[in-house]
Amino acid sequence: MLRDIKLFKDDVVTVYIICSSEETRTMFISRLNDEYTDLDVPQTPIGLAKNGIDFVRLHPGAQREAPAMFKYQGKYYMITSGATGWDPNAARYWMADEIFGEWKNMGDPCVNENDIPHPANLTFRTQSTNVIPVD
């Protein structure tokens, strides 16, 4: 199962696919082949792909979706939304030194303002999709 699929192109030409899987309980990042048509992992025999080398399995059991990944000052970041159906929920963001490395949970990136109709701690009643760089 693949849900909320996103692509991320690193500084060079490497492209990664990021998706929510396992009934939206786990996020995966996998490297794509040079043609961007398939995963860049051993295809036969099945089971040779290694976590941390060919892909990374993130946040097991966290029920996250809507990944938005970007790189800033040499570090990788991913913002995700909780999987609560149509109900608003808090975002979370993770940081890593390497895409297939250890991802550290940094908490909620939104600043809460209780006096607004759609509080930031519920991501303004929306989900992450993309991160747009601003000069």
N, C-alpha and C. Protein backbone atom coordinates (compact mmCIF):
# COMPACT_ATOMS: atom_id res chain seq x y z
N MET A 1 0.83 -1.17 0.00
CA MET A 1 0.00 0.00 0.00
C MET A 1 0.89 1.25 0.00
N LEU A 2 0.58 2.14 -0.89
CA LEU A 2 1.28 3.42 -0.93
C LEU A 2 0.24 4.53 -0.91
N ARG A 3 0.39 5.45 0.02
CA ARG A 3 -0.53 6.59 0.11
C ARG A 3 0.28 7.87 0.22
N ASP A 4 -0.32 8.96 -0.21
CA ASP A 4 0.30 10.28 -0.11
C ASP A 4 1.73 10.26 -0.63
N ILE A 5 1.89 9.89 -1.87
CA ILE A 5 3.21 9.75 -2.47
C ILE A 5 3.76 11.12 -2.86
N LYS A 6 5.03 11.34 -2.52
CA LYS A 6 5.73 12.56 -2.89
C LYS A 6 7.09 12.18 -3.46
N LEU A 7 7.66 13.06 -4.28
CA LEU A 7 9.01 12.88 -4.79
C LEU A 7 9.89 13.98 -4.21
N PHE A 8 11.16 13.65 -4.01
CA PHE A 8 12.14 14.62 -3.53
C PHE A 8 13.41 14.44 -4.34
N LYS A 9 13.89 15.53 -4.94
CA LYS A 9 15.14 15.49 -5.70
C LYS A 9 16.21 16.13 -4.86
N ASP A 10 17.26 15.36 -4.60
CA ASP A 10 18.37 15.84 -3.78
C ASP A 10 19.23 16.80 -4.60
N ASP A 11 20.25 17.36 -3.98
CA ASP A 11 21.12 18.34 -4.64
C ASP A 11 21.68 17.84 -5.96
N VAL A 12 21.98 16.59 -6.01
CA VAL A 12 22.49 16.01 -7.25
C VAL A 12 21.30 15.54 -8.07
N VAL A 13 21.39 14.41 -8.70
CA VAL A 13 20.29 13.93 -9.53
C VAL A 13 19.51 12.79 -8.89
N THR A 14 19.80 12.48 -7.66
CA THR A 14 19.11 11.37 -6.99
C THR A 14 17.69 11.80 -6.62
N VAL A 15 16.74 10.96 -7.00
CA VAL A 15 15.33 11.24 -6.69
C VAL A 15 14.83 10.13 -5.76
N TYR A 16 14.06 10.55 -4.77
CA TYR A 16 13.51 9.64 -3.78
C TYR A 16 11.99 9.71 -3.83
N ILE A 17 11.37 8.58 -3.53
CA ILE A 17 9.92 8.54 -3.37
C ILE A 17 9.64 8.41 -1.88
N ILE A 18 8.70 9.20 -1.40
CA ILE A 18 8.32 9.19 0.01
C ILE A 18 6.84 8.84 0.06
N CYS A 19 6.47 7.91 0.90
CA CYS A 19 5.06 7.54 0.97
C CYS A 19 4.68 7.05 2.36
N SER A 20 3.41 7.12 2.60
CA SER A 20 2.82 6.55 3.80
C SER A 20 2.39 5.14 3.43
N SER A 21 2.64 4.18 4.32
CA SER A 21 2.32 2.79 4.03
C SER A 21 1.89 2.08 5.30
N GLU A 22 1.68 0.77 5.19
CA GLU A 22 1.26 -0.06 6.33
C GLU A 22 0.02 0.55 7.00
N GLU A 23 -1.03 0.74 6.19
CA GLU A 23 -2.28 1.34 6.69
C GLU A 23 -2.03 2.72 7.29
N THR A 24 -1.16 3.49 6.67
CA THR A 24 -0.81 4.86 7.08
C THR A 24 -0.13 4.89 8.45
N ARG A 25 0.47 3.79 8.86
CA ARG A 25 1.14 3.76 10.16
C ARG A 25 2.63 4.06 10.06
N THR A 26 3.21 3.96 8.86
CA THR A 26 4.65 4.09 8.70
C THR A 26 4.96 4.87 7.42
N MET A 27 6.03 5.66 7.46
CA MET A 27 6.51 6.37 6.27
C MET A 27 7.71 5.61 5.72
N PHE A 28 7.85 5.62 4.40
CA PHE A 28 9.00 5.02 3.72
C PHE A 28 9.64 6.04 2.79
N ILE A 29 10.96 6.00 2.71
CA ILE A 29 11.70 6.75 1.70
C ILE A 29 12.55 5.74 0.95
N SER A 30 12.42 5.74 -0.38
CA SER A 30 13.19 4.84 -1.22
C SER A 30 13.81 5.62 -2.37
N ARG A 31 14.99 5.20 -2.78
CA ARG A 31 15.68 5.83 -3.90
C ARG A 31 15.10 5.27 -5.21
N LEU A 32 14.89 6.15 -6.19
CA LEU A 32 14.43 5.71 -7.51
C LEU A 32 15.62 5.46 -8.42
N ASN A 33 15.40 4.63 -9.46
CA ASN A 33 16.46 4.37 -10.42
C ASN A 33 16.73 5.61 -11.27
N ASP A 34 17.75 5.55 -12.12
CA ASP A 34 18.15 6.71 -12.92
C ASP A 34 17.07 7.19 -13.88
N GLU A 35 16.18 6.31 -14.29
CA GLU A 35 15.08 6.68 -15.19
C GLU A 35 13.84 7.14 -14.43
N TYR A 36 13.87 7.02 -13.10
CA TYR A 36 12.73 7.38 -12.23
C TYR A 36 11.51 6.52 -12.52
N THR A 37 11.73 5.28 -12.94
CA THR A 37 10.62 4.40 -13.29
C THR A 37 10.40 3.26 -12.30
N ASP A 38 11.33 3.09 -11.34
CA ASP A 38 11.21 1.98 -10.40
C ASP A 38 12.12 2.29 -9.21
N LEU A 39 11.99 1.51 -8.18
CA LEU A 39 12.86 1.66 -7.02
C LEU A 39 14.27 1.21 -7.37
N ASP A 40 15.25 1.84 -6.78
CA ASP A 40 16.65 1.48 -7.01
C ASP A 40 17.07 0.49 -5.92
N VAL A 41 16.47 -0.70 -5.99
CA VAL A 41 16.75 -1.77 -5.02
C VAL A 41 16.88 -3.08 -5.79
N PRO A 42 17.57 -4.05 -5.20
CA PRO A 42 17.64 -5.36 -5.86
C PRO A 42 16.24 -5.94 -6.05
N GLN A 43 15.94 -6.39 -7.27
CA GLN A 43 14.60 -6.91 -7.57
C GLN A 43 14.48 -8.42 -7.37
N THR A 44 15.61 -9.13 -7.55
CA THR A 44 15.57 -10.58 -7.35
C THR A 44 16.86 -11.00 -6.66
N PRO A 45 16.85 -11.96 -5.82
CA PRO A 45 15.62 -12.48 -5.23
C PRO A 45 14.98 -11.44 -4.32
N ILE A 46 13.69 -11.57 -4.14
CA ILE A 46 12.93 -10.63 -3.31
C ILE A 46 13.48 -10.66 -1.89
N GLY A 47 13.54 -9.50 -1.26
CA GLY A 47 13.98 -9.41 0.12
C GLY A 47 15.41 -8.96 0.32
N LEU A 48 16.10 -8.62 -0.75
CA LEU A 48 17.49 -8.18 -0.61
C LEU A 48 17.62 -6.71 -0.22
N ALA A 49 16.60 -5.91 -0.41
CA ALA A 49 16.66 -4.50 -0.05
C ALA A 49 16.86 -4.37 1.46
N LYS A 50 17.75 -3.48 1.85
CA LYS A 50 18.10 -3.32 3.27
C LYS A 50 17.70 -1.95 3.78
N ASN A 51 17.03 -1.95 4.95
CA ASN A 51 16.65 -0.71 5.61
C ASN A 51 17.92 0.06 5.97
N GLY A 52 17.96 1.33 5.63
CA GLY A 52 19.12 2.17 5.89
C GLY A 52 20.12 2.20 4.76
N ILE A 53 19.96 1.29 3.78
CA ILE A 53 20.85 1.26 2.62
C ILE A 53 20.07 1.55 1.34
N ASP A 54 18.99 0.80 1.12
CA ASP A 54 18.17 0.96 -0.08
C ASP A 54 16.90 1.77 0.18
N PHE A 55 16.49 1.82 1.41
CA PHE A 55 15.29 2.56 1.81
C PHE A 55 15.39 2.83 3.31
N VAL A 56 14.47 3.62 3.81
CA VAL A 56 14.37 3.82 5.25
C VAL A 56 12.90 3.75 5.64
N ARG A 57 12.63 3.08 6.72
CA ARG A 57 11.28 2.92 7.28
C ARG A 57 11.21 3.83 8.49
N LEU A 58 10.32 4.83 8.42
CA LEU A 58 10.27 5.88 9.45
C LEU A 58 9.00 5.85 10.28
N HIS A 59 9.14 6.25 11.51
CA HIS A 59 8.02 6.49 12.42
C HIS A 59 7.01 5.34 12.49
N PRO A 60 7.44 4.09 12.67
CA PRO A 60 6.48 2.98 12.71
C PRO A 60 5.44 3.21 13.80
N GLY A 61 4.18 3.02 13.42
CA GLY A 61 3.08 3.17 14.35
C GLY A 61 2.65 4.60 14.59
N ALA A 62 3.29 5.58 13.99
CA ALA A 62 3.00 6.99 14.27
C ALA A 62 1.77 7.51 13.53
N GLN A 63 1.29 6.78 12.54
CA GLN A 63 0.14 7.17 11.72
C GLN A 63 0.31 8.58 11.16
N ARG A 64 1.28 8.72 10.28
CA ARG A 64 1.59 10.00 9.63
C ARG A 64 1.31 9.90 8.14
N GLU A 65 0.96 11.04 7.53
CA GLU A 65 0.73 11.12 6.10
C GLU A 65 1.09 12.51 5.61
N ALA A 66 0.89 12.77 4.33
CA ALA A 66 1.15 14.07 3.71
C ALA A 66 2.59 14.54 3.92
N PRO A 67 3.58 13.74 3.49
CA PRO A 67 4.97 14.15 3.70
C PRO A 67 5.39 15.31 2.80
N ALA A 68 6.09 16.26 3.37
CA ALA A 68 6.68 17.37 2.63
C ALA A 68 8.15 17.43 3.05
N MET A 69 9.04 17.09 2.13
CA MET A 69 10.46 16.97 2.46
C MET A 69 11.24 18.09 1.79
N PHE A 70 12.28 18.58 2.50
CA PHE A 70 13.15 19.59 1.93
C PHE A 70 14.51 19.52 2.62
N LYS A 71 15.48 20.19 2.01
CA LYS A 71 16.82 20.24 2.56
C LYS A 71 17.15 21.70 2.85
N TYR A 72 17.73 21.94 4.03
CA TYR A 72 18.08 23.30 4.43
C TYR A 72 19.38 23.26 5.22
N GLN A 73 20.36 24.01 4.75
CA GLN A 73 21.67 24.10 5.40
C GLN A 73 22.27 22.71 5.70
N GLY A 74 22.18 21.84 4.69
CA GLY A 74 22.81 20.53 4.78
C GLY A 74 22.05 19.47 5.56
N LYS A 75 20.88 19.81 6.08
CA LYS A 75 20.07 18.85 6.84
C LYS A 75 18.77 18.60 6.09
N TYR A 76 18.22 17.41 6.29
CA TYR A 76 16.95 17.04 5.67
C TYR A 76 15.82 17.21 6.69
N TYR A 77 14.70 17.69 6.20
CA TYR A 77 13.52 17.91 7.03
C TYR A 77 12.31 17.31 6.35
N MET A 78 11.38 16.80 7.16
CA MET A 78 10.13 16.30 6.65
C MET A 78 9.00 16.73 7.58
N ILE A 79 8.01 17.38 7.00
CA ILE A 79 6.80 17.76 7.75
C ILE A 79 5.72 16.77 7.36
N THR A 80 4.98 16.28 8.36
CA THR A 80 3.89 15.34 8.09
C THR A 80 2.65 15.75 8.87
N SER A 81 1.55 15.18 8.46
CA SER A 81 0.27 15.37 9.13
C SER A 81 -0.14 14.08 9.80
N GLY A 82 -0.93 14.18 10.82
CA GLY A 82 -1.49 12.98 11.44
C GLY A 82 -2.56 12.39 10.55
N ALA A 83 -2.79 11.10 10.66
CA ALA A 83 -3.81 10.41 9.87
C ALA A 83 -5.08 10.30 10.70
N THR A 84 -5.88 11.36 10.66
CA THR A 84 -7.11 11.39 11.46
C THR A 84 -8.34 11.57 10.57
N GLY A 85 -8.28 11.05 9.37
CA GLY A 85 -9.41 11.23 8.45
C GLY A 85 -9.55 12.70 8.09
N TRP A 86 -10.73 13.22 8.22
CA TRP A 86 -10.97 14.63 7.87
C TRP A 86 -10.81 15.54 9.07
N ASP A 87 -10.53 15.00 10.24
CA ASP A 87 -10.40 15.83 11.43
C ASP A 87 -9.04 16.53 11.47
N PRO A 88 -9.00 17.80 11.85
CA PRO A 88 -7.71 18.51 11.95
C PRO A 88 -6.82 17.90 13.01
N ASN A 89 -5.51 18.02 12.81
CA ASN A 89 -4.56 17.46 13.76
C ASN A 89 -3.26 18.27 13.70
N ALA A 90 -2.41 18.03 14.64
CA ALA A 90 -1.12 18.74 14.70
C ALA A 90 -0.14 18.14 13.70
N ALA A 91 0.68 19.01 13.13
CA ALA A 91 1.77 18.57 12.26
C ALA A 91 2.92 18.11 13.15
N ARG A 92 3.85 17.39 12.54
CA ARG A 92 5.11 17.02 13.19
C ARG A 92 6.19 17.22 12.15
N TYR A 93 7.41 17.51 12.64
CA TYR A 93 8.51 17.54 11.69
C TYR A 93 9.69 16.80 12.25
N TRP A 94 10.44 16.21 11.31
CA TRP A 94 11.61 15.41 11.63
C TRP A 94 12.83 15.99 10.92
N MET A 95 14.01 15.75 11.47
CA MET A 95 15.25 16.23 10.90
C MET A 95 16.26 15.09 10.86
N ALA A 96 17.08 15.06 9.79
CA ALA A 96 18.12 14.04 9.66
C ALA A 96 19.33 14.61 8.95
N ASP A 97 20.50 14.07 9.27
CA ASP A 97 21.72 14.47 8.57
C ASP A 97 21.84 13.78 7.22
N GLU A 98 21.26 12.58 7.10
CA GLU A 98 21.27 11.81 5.87
C GLU A 98 19.88 11.26 5.62
N ILE A 99 19.49 11.16 4.36
CA ILE A 99 18.14 10.69 4.04
C ILE A 99 17.87 9.31 4.63
N PHE A 100 18.84 8.39 4.50
CA PHE A 100 18.65 7.05 5.03
C PHE A 100 19.20 6.91 6.44
N GLY A 101 19.44 8.02 7.11
CA GLY A 101 19.96 8.01 8.47
C GLY A 101 18.86 8.05 9.50
N GLU A 102 19.23 8.44 10.70
CA GLU A 102 18.27 8.52 11.81
C GLU A 102 17.52 9.85 11.73
N TRP A 103 16.20 9.76 11.81
CA TRP A 103 15.33 10.94 11.77
C TRP A 103 14.88 11.26 13.19
N LYS A 104 15.14 12.48 13.63
CA LYS A 104 14.79 12.91 14.98
C LYS A 104 13.48 13.70 14.95
N ASN A 105 12.54 13.30 15.82
CA ASN A 105 11.26 14.00 15.94
C ASN A 105 11.49 15.35 16.61
N MET A 106 11.17 16.42 15.90
CA MET A 106 11.39 17.77 16.40
C MET A 106 10.10 18.41 16.95
N GLY A 107 8.99 17.68 16.88
CA GLY A 107 7.74 18.20 17.44
C GLY A 107 6.88 18.91 16.41
N ASP A 108 6.03 19.79 16.90
CA ASP A 108 5.08 20.53 16.08
C ASP A 108 5.75 21.81 15.56
N PRO A 109 5.81 22.01 14.24
CA PRO A 109 6.46 23.20 13.71
C PRO A 109 5.59 24.45 13.77
N CYS A 110 4.32 24.30 14.12
CA CYS A 110 3.39 25.43 14.12
C CYS A 110 3.36 26.13 15.47
N VAL A 111 3.25 27.44 15.44
CA VAL A 111 3.13 28.23 16.66
C VAL A 111 1.65 28.41 16.94
N ASN A 112 1.23 28.02 18.12
CA ASN A 112 -0.19 28.08 18.45
C ASN A 112 -0.63 29.48 18.84
N GLU A 113 -1.76 29.88 18.28
CA GLU A 113 -2.42 31.13 18.66
C GLU A 113 -3.87 30.77 18.93
N ASN A 114 -4.24 30.70 20.18
CA ASN A 114 -5.57 30.23 20.54
C ASN A 114 -6.70 31.16 20.15
N ASP A 115 -6.40 32.42 19.85
CA ASP A 115 -7.46 33.37 19.58
C ASP A 115 -7.85 33.46 18.10
N ILE A 116 -7.37 32.55 17.27
CA ILE A 116 -7.75 32.58 15.86
C ILE A 116 -8.70 31.42 15.58
N PRO A 117 -9.58 31.56 14.56
CA PRO A 117 -10.60 30.54 14.32
C PRO A 117 -10.05 29.16 13.96
N HIS A 118 -8.93 29.10 13.26
CA HIS A 118 -8.34 27.82 12.87
C HIS A 118 -6.92 27.79 13.41
N PRO A 119 -6.75 27.36 14.65
CA PRO A 119 -5.44 27.48 15.31
C PRO A 119 -4.32 26.76 14.58
N ALA A 120 -3.14 27.34 14.70
CA ALA A 120 -1.95 26.78 14.05
C ALA A 120 -1.63 25.39 14.56
N ASN A 121 -1.92 25.12 15.84
CA ASN A 121 -1.59 23.80 16.36
C ASN A 121 -2.42 22.70 15.70
N LEU A 122 -3.40 23.08 14.91
CA LEU A 122 -4.15 22.12 14.08
C LEU A 122 -3.85 22.41 12.60
N THR A 123 -2.69 22.91 12.33
CA THR A 123 -2.20 23.26 10.98
C THR A 123 -3.23 24.04 10.18
N PHE A 124 -3.93 24.92 10.86
CA PHE A 124 -4.93 25.77 10.20
C PHE A 124 -5.96 24.94 9.44
N ARG A 125 -6.23 23.73 9.95
CA ARG A 125 -7.21 22.81 9.38
C ARG A 125 -6.84 22.34 7.97
N THR A 126 -5.55 22.12 7.74
CA THR A 126 -5.07 21.67 6.44
C THR A 126 -3.93 20.67 6.63
N GLN A 127 -3.26 20.27 5.56
CA GLN A 127 -2.14 19.34 5.62
C GLN A 127 -0.95 19.90 4.86
N SER A 128 0.22 19.38 5.20
CA SER A 128 1.42 19.73 4.44
C SER A 128 1.34 19.07 3.07
N THR A 129 1.90 19.74 2.10
CA THR A 129 1.96 19.21 0.75
C THR A 129 3.32 19.45 0.15
N ASN A 130 3.85 20.64 0.37
CA ASN A 130 5.06 21.05 -0.27
C ASN A 130 5.71 22.13 0.58
N VAL A 131 7.01 22.31 0.44
CA VAL A 131 7.71 23.40 1.09
C VAL A 131 8.32 24.25 -0.01
N ILE A 132 7.98 25.51 -0.01
CA ILE A 132 8.44 26.42 -1.05
C ILE A 132 9.52 27.32 -0.48
N PRO A 133 10.72 27.31 -1.05
CA PRO A 133 11.79 28.19 -0.54
C PRO A 133 11.47 29.66 -0.81
N VAL A 134 11.78 30.49 0.16
CA VAL A 134 11.55 31.92 0.04
C VAL A 134 12.86 32.63 0.36
N ASP A 135 13.27 33.54 -0.51
CA ASP A 135 14.48 34.33 -0.25
C ASP A 135 14.18 35.42 0.76
